[in-house]
Protein backbone atom coordinates (compact mmCIF):
# COMPACT_ATOMS: atom_id res chain seq x y z
CA MET A 1 20.51 72.53 53.80
CA THR A 2 17.92 75.19 53.28
CA ALA A 3 15.25 76.06 55.81
CA ILE A 4 12.62 74.95 53.32
CA VAL A 5 12.75 71.18 53.09
CA ASN A 6 10.20 68.60 52.08
CA ASN A 7 8.81 68.13 55.58
CA ALA A 8 6.92 65.02 54.51
CA ASP A 9 10.10 63.38 53.22
CA THR A 10 12.07 64.47 56.28
CA LEU A 11 9.46 63.12 58.68
CA HIS A 12 9.27 59.89 56.70
CA LEU A 13 13.02 59.40 56.90
CA MET A 14 12.97 60.26 60.60
CA GLN A 15 10.20 57.73 61.21
CA GLN A 16 12.14 55.02 59.39
CA ALA A 17 15.30 55.90 61.29
CA ALA A 18 13.42 55.83 64.60
CA ALA A 19 11.81 52.49 63.77
CA TRP A 20 15.18 51.02 62.80
CA TRP A 21 16.76 52.45 65.96
CA TRP A 22 14.13 51.02 68.30
CA ASN A 23 14.16 47.67 66.51
CA LYS A 24 17.90 47.53 67.13
CA ARG A 25 17.53 48.71 70.73
CA ILE A 26 14.53 46.54 71.61
CA PRO A 27 14.61 43.31 69.55
CA SER A 28 11.67 41.92 71.53
CA LEU A 29 9.31 44.33 69.75
CA SER A 30 10.16 42.91 66.34
CA ASP A 31 9.30 39.35 67.39
């Protein structure tokens, strides 16, 4: 990967990954 990446897209993917991760780790939050 190059140093110049679409930061917006990267952050968006990271946010989705984090949300998925925490939903898997803490199911009580998704209730």
